[in-house]
Amino acid sequence: MALLKKLATVRLPHAEADPAMIDRLRVLEAAGHIRVLIPPVHVDCDHCMRQPPATVLEITPQGRRALNTEVIEEDASLPAMHSMHARTRRNKGASAALDLAQLAAWFSGTRPRSGD
């Protein structure tokens, strides 16, 4: 939730180069909270993998609603969220956000992007 709150305070479009942050942006995109362009990773001339910066284009209406209701929990670690999910009863919105975050973590970086 902290990343979505941060994005709500910065001027968009916003570039993000940190690979860990780009992974978190993938989670927010998978949940439908933002629109982001994430270029594919490529091998540079020195044979190293490079991730060009991602560009956050907008916070979607669903993302704005999440900010207002604080439904998503993308900042918690997935194992902690899973055990918390097993111990407590959650409403459907929170459960769906949890499932989406877990799926995004499993498939981050493997999903084809439009325009590739």
C-alpha atoms as a PDB file:
ATOM      1  CA  MET A   1       0.000   0.000   0.000  1.00  0.00           C
ATOM      2  CA  ALA A   2       2.906   2.330   0.692  1.00  0.00           C
ATOM      3  CA  LEU A   3       4.069   2.230  -2.935  1.00  0.00           C
ATOM      4  CA  LEU A   4       0.600   3.062  -4.220  1.00  0.00           C
ATOM      5  CA  LYS A   5       0.393   5.926  -1.715  1.00  0.00           C
ATOM      6  CA  LYS A   6       3.802   7.161  -2.871  1.00  0.00           C
ATOM      7  CA  LEU A   7       2.712   7.043  -6.493  1.00  0.00           C
ATOM      8  CA  ALA A   8      -0.381   9.074  -5.602  1.00  0.00           C
ATOM      9  CA  THR A   9       1.881  11.896  -4.402  1.00  0.00           C
ATOM     10  CA  VAL A  10       4.330  12.053  -7.339  1.00  0.00           C
ATOM     11  CA  ARG A  11       3.829  13.632 -10.723  1.00  0.00           C
ATOM     12  CA  LEU A  12       2.978  11.051 -13.374  1.00  0.00           C
ATOM     13  CA  PRO A  13       4.394   9.717 -15.606  1.00  0.00           C
ATOM     14  CA  HIS A  14       7.025   8.544 -13.124  1.00  0.00           C
ATOM     15  CA  ALA A  15      10.121   6.484 -14.000  1.00  0.00           C
ATOM     16  CA  GLU A  16      11.402   3.793 -11.649  1.00  0.00           C
ATOM     17  CA  ALA A  17      14.734   2.039 -12.270  1.00  0.00           C
ATOM     18  CA  ASP A  18      15.144  -0.132  -9.139  1.00  0.00           C
ATOM     19  CA  PRO A  19      14.452  -3.791 -10.092  1.00  0.00           C
ATOM     20  CA  ALA A  20      12.831  -4.525  -6.710  1.00  0.00           C
ATOM     21  CA  MET A  21      10.469  -1.582  -7.167  1.00  0.00           C
ATOM     22  CA  ILE A  22       9.702  -2.716 -10.712  1.00  0.00           C
ATOM     23  CA  ASP A  23       8.630  -6.090  -9.298  1.00  0.00           C
ATOM     24  CA  ARG A  24       6.314  -4.281  -6.870  1.00  0.00           C
ATOM     25  CA  LEU A  25       4.938  -2.257  -9.798  1.00  0.00           C
ATOM     26  CA  ARG A  26       4.157  -5.553 -11.552  1.00  0.00           C
ATOM     27  CA  VAL A  27       2.086  -6.592  -8.538  1.00  0.00           C
ATOM     28  CA  LEU A  28       0.153  -3.306  -8.564  1.00  0.00           C
ATOM     29  CA  GLU A  29      -0.391  -3.640 -12.316  1.00  0.00           C
ATOM     30  CA  ALA A  30      -1.629  -7.235 -11.948  1.00  0.00           C
ATOM     31  CA  ALA A  31      -4.076  -6.055  -9.290  1.00  0.00           C
ATOM     32  CA  GLY A  32      -5.367  -3.414 -11.713  1.00  0.00           C
ATOM     33  CA  HIS A  33      -4.275  -0.474  -9.549  1.00  0.00           C
ATOM     34  CA  ILE A  34      -1.877   1.183 -12.015  1.00  0.00           C
ATOM     35  CA  ARG A  35      -0.992   1.358 -15.694  1.00  0.00           C
ATOM     36  CA  VAL A  36       2.743   0.908 -16.192  1.00  0.00           C
ATOM     37  CA  LEU A  37       5.105   0.327 -19.091  1.00  0.00           C
ATOM     38  CA  ILE A  38       7.796  -2.178 -18.128  1.00  0.00           C
ATOM     39  CA  PRO A  39      10.356  -2.761 -20.867  1.00  0.00           C
ATOM     40  CA  PRO A  40      11.656  -6.313 -21.170  1.00  0.00           C
ATOM     41  CA  VAL A  41      14.974  -7.265 -19.624  1.00  0.00           C
ATOM     42  CA  HIS A  42      17.736  -7.535 -22.223  1.00  0.00           C
ATOM     43  CA  VAL A  43      21.350  -8.648 -22.459  1.00  0.00           C
ATOM     44  CA  ASP A  44      23.695  -5.695 -22.896  1.00  0.00           C
ATOM     45  CA  CYS A  45      26.925  -5.627 -24.940  1.00  0.00           C
ATOM     46  CA  ASP A  46      28.875  -6.697 -21.832  1.00  0.00           C
ATOM     47  CA  HIS A  47      26.699  -9.830 -21.584  1.00  0.00           C
ATOM     48  CA  CYS A  48      24.910  -8.619 -18.438  1.00  0.00           C
ATOM     49  CA  MET A  49      21.162  -8.572 -17.950  1.00  0.00           C
ATOM     50  CA  ARG A  50      19.734  -5.046 -17.908  1.00  0.00           C
ATOM     51  CA  GLN A  51      16.285  -3.863 -16.835  1.00  0.00           C
ATOM     52  CA  PRO A  52      15.398  -0.491 -18.355  1.00  0.00           C
ATOM     53  CA  PRO A  53      13.346   1.808 -16.100  1.00  0.00           C
ATOM     54  CA  ALA A  54       9.598   1.255 -15.836  1.00  0.00           C
ATOM     55  CA  THR A  55       7.243   4.179 -16.386  1.00  0.00           C
ATOM     56  CA  VAL A  56       4.104   4.490 -14.271  1.00  0.00           C
ATOM     57  CA  LEU A  57       1.492   6.154 -16.459  1.00  0.00           C
ATOM     58  CA  GLU A  58      -1.503   6.425 -14.167  1.00  0.00           C
ATOM     59  CA  ILE A  59      -3.296   5.191 -11.085  1.00  0.00           C
ATOM     60  CA  THR A  60      -6.499   3.526 -12.236  1.00  0.00           C
ATOM     61  CA  PRO A  61      -9.928   4.204 -10.722  1.00  0.00           C
ATOM     62  CA  GLN A  62      -9.619   0.817  -8.997  1.00  0.00           C
ATOM     63  CA  GLY A  63      -6.286   1.954  -7.557  1.00  0.00           C
ATOM     64  CA  ARG A  64      -7.865   5.175  -6.293  1.00  0.00           C
ATOM     65  CA  ARG A  65     -10.611   3.141  -4.604  1.00  0.00           C
ATOM     66  CA  ALA A  66      -7.962   0.912  -3.014  1.00  0.00           C
ATOM     67  CA  LEU A  67      -6.204   4.016  -1.694  1.00  0.00           C
ATOM     68  CA  ASN A  68      -9.454   5.201  -0.155  1.00  0.00           C
ATOM     69  CA  THR A  69     -10.340   1.842   1.388  1.00  0.00           C
ATOM     70  CA  GLU A  70      -6.805   0.474   1.910  1.00  0.00           C
ATOM     71  CA  VAL A  71      -7.855  -3.008   0.762  1.00  0.00           C
ATOM     72  CA  ILE A  72      -4.555  -4.163  -0.715  1.00  0.00           C
ATOM     73  CA  GLU A  73      -1.620  -5.380   1.334  1.00  0.00           C
ATOM     74  CA  GLU A  74       1.173  -5.422  -1.265  1.00  0.00           C
ATOM     75  CA  ASP A  75       3.839  -4.331   1.224  1.00  0.00           C
ATOM     76  CA  ALA A  76       3.519  -7.389   3.470  1.00  0.00           C
ATOM     77  CA  SER A  77       5.640 -10.388   2.625  1.00  0.00           C
ATOM     78  CA  LEU A  78       3.759 -13.116   0.827  1.00  0.00           C
ATOM     79  CA  PRO A  79       4.448 -15.904   3.354  1.00  0.00           C
ATOM     80  CA  ALA A  80       3.284 -13.646   6.180  1.00  0.00           C
ATOM     81  CA  MET A  81       0.166 -12.733   4.236  1.00  0.00           C
ATOM     82  CA  HIS A  82      -0.527 -16.398   3.515  1.00  0.00           C
ATOM     83  CA  SER A  83      -0.303 -17.452   7.174  1.00  0.00           C
ATOM     84  CA  MET A  84      -2.386 -14.454   8.239  1.00  0.00           C
ATOM     85  CA  HIS A  85      -4.920 -15.429   5.575  1.00  0.00           C
ATOM     86  CA  ALA A  86      -5.143 -18.960   6.959  1.00  0.00           C
ATOM     87  CA  ARG A  87      -5.654 -17.754  10.552  1.00  0.00           C
ATOM     88  CA  THR A  88      -8.244 -15.045  10.030  1.00  0.00           C
ATOM     89  CA  ARG A  89     -11.422 -14.622   8.055  1.00  0.00           C
ATOM     90  CA  ARG A  90     -11.187 -11.920   5.410  1.00  0.00           C
ATOM     91  CA  ASN A  91     -13.728 -10.234   3.212  1.00  0.00           C
ATOM     92  CA  LYS A  92     -13.783 -11.181  -0.487  1.00  0.00           C
ATOM     93  CA  GLY A  93     -12.005  -8.007  -1.662  1.00  0.00           C
ATOM     94  CA  ALA A  94      -9.047  -8.506   0.659  1.00  0.00           C
ATOM     95  CA  SER A  95      -8.869 -12.201  -0.210  1.00  0.00           C
ATOM     96  CA  ALA A  96      -8.870 -11.433  -3.943  1.00  0.00           C
ATOM     97  CA  ALA A  97      -6.107  -8.836  -3.489  1.00  0.00           C
ATOM     98  CA  LEU A  98      -4.055 -11.402  -1.545  1.00  0.00           C
ATOM     99  CA  ASP A  99      -4.527 -14.051  -4.241  1.00  0.00           C
ATOM    100  CA  LEU A 100      -3.623 -11.536  -6.967  1.00  0.00           C
ATOM    101  CA  ALA A 101      -0.471 -10.485  -5.135  1.00  0.00           C
ATOM    102  CA  GLN A 102       0.598 -14.120  -4.770  1.00  0.00           C
ATOM    103  CA  LEU A 103      -0.055 -14.868  -8.432  1.00  0.00           C
ATOM    104  CA  ALA A 104       1.851 -11.776  -9.503  1.00  0.00           C
ATOM    105  CA  ALA A 105       4.812 -12.820  -7.362  1.00  0.00           C
ATOM    106  CA  TRP A 106       4.828 -16.271  -8.966  1.00  0.00           C
ATOM    107  CA  PHE A 107       4.603 -14.983 -12.518  1.00  0.00           C
ATOM    108  CA  SER A 108       6.480 -11.673 -12.297  1.00  0.00           C
ATOM    109  CA  GLY A 109       8.622 -11.176 -15.310  1.00  0.00           C
ATOM    110  CA  THR A 110       7.179 -14.102 -17.258  1.00  0.00           C
ATOM    111  CA  ARG A 111       3.961 -12.511 -18.497  1.00  0.00           C
ATOM    112  CA  PRO A 112       4.080 -11.237 -22.100  1.00  0.00           C
ATOM    113  CA  ARG A 113       3.547  -7.512 -22.422  1.00  0.00           C
ATOM    114  CA  SER A 114       1.604  -5.765 -25.173  1.00  0.00           C
ATOM    115  CA  GLY A 115       3.865  -4.400 -27.870  1.00  0.00           C
ATOM    116  CA  ASP A 116       6.602  -6.997 -27.354  1.00  0.00           C
END
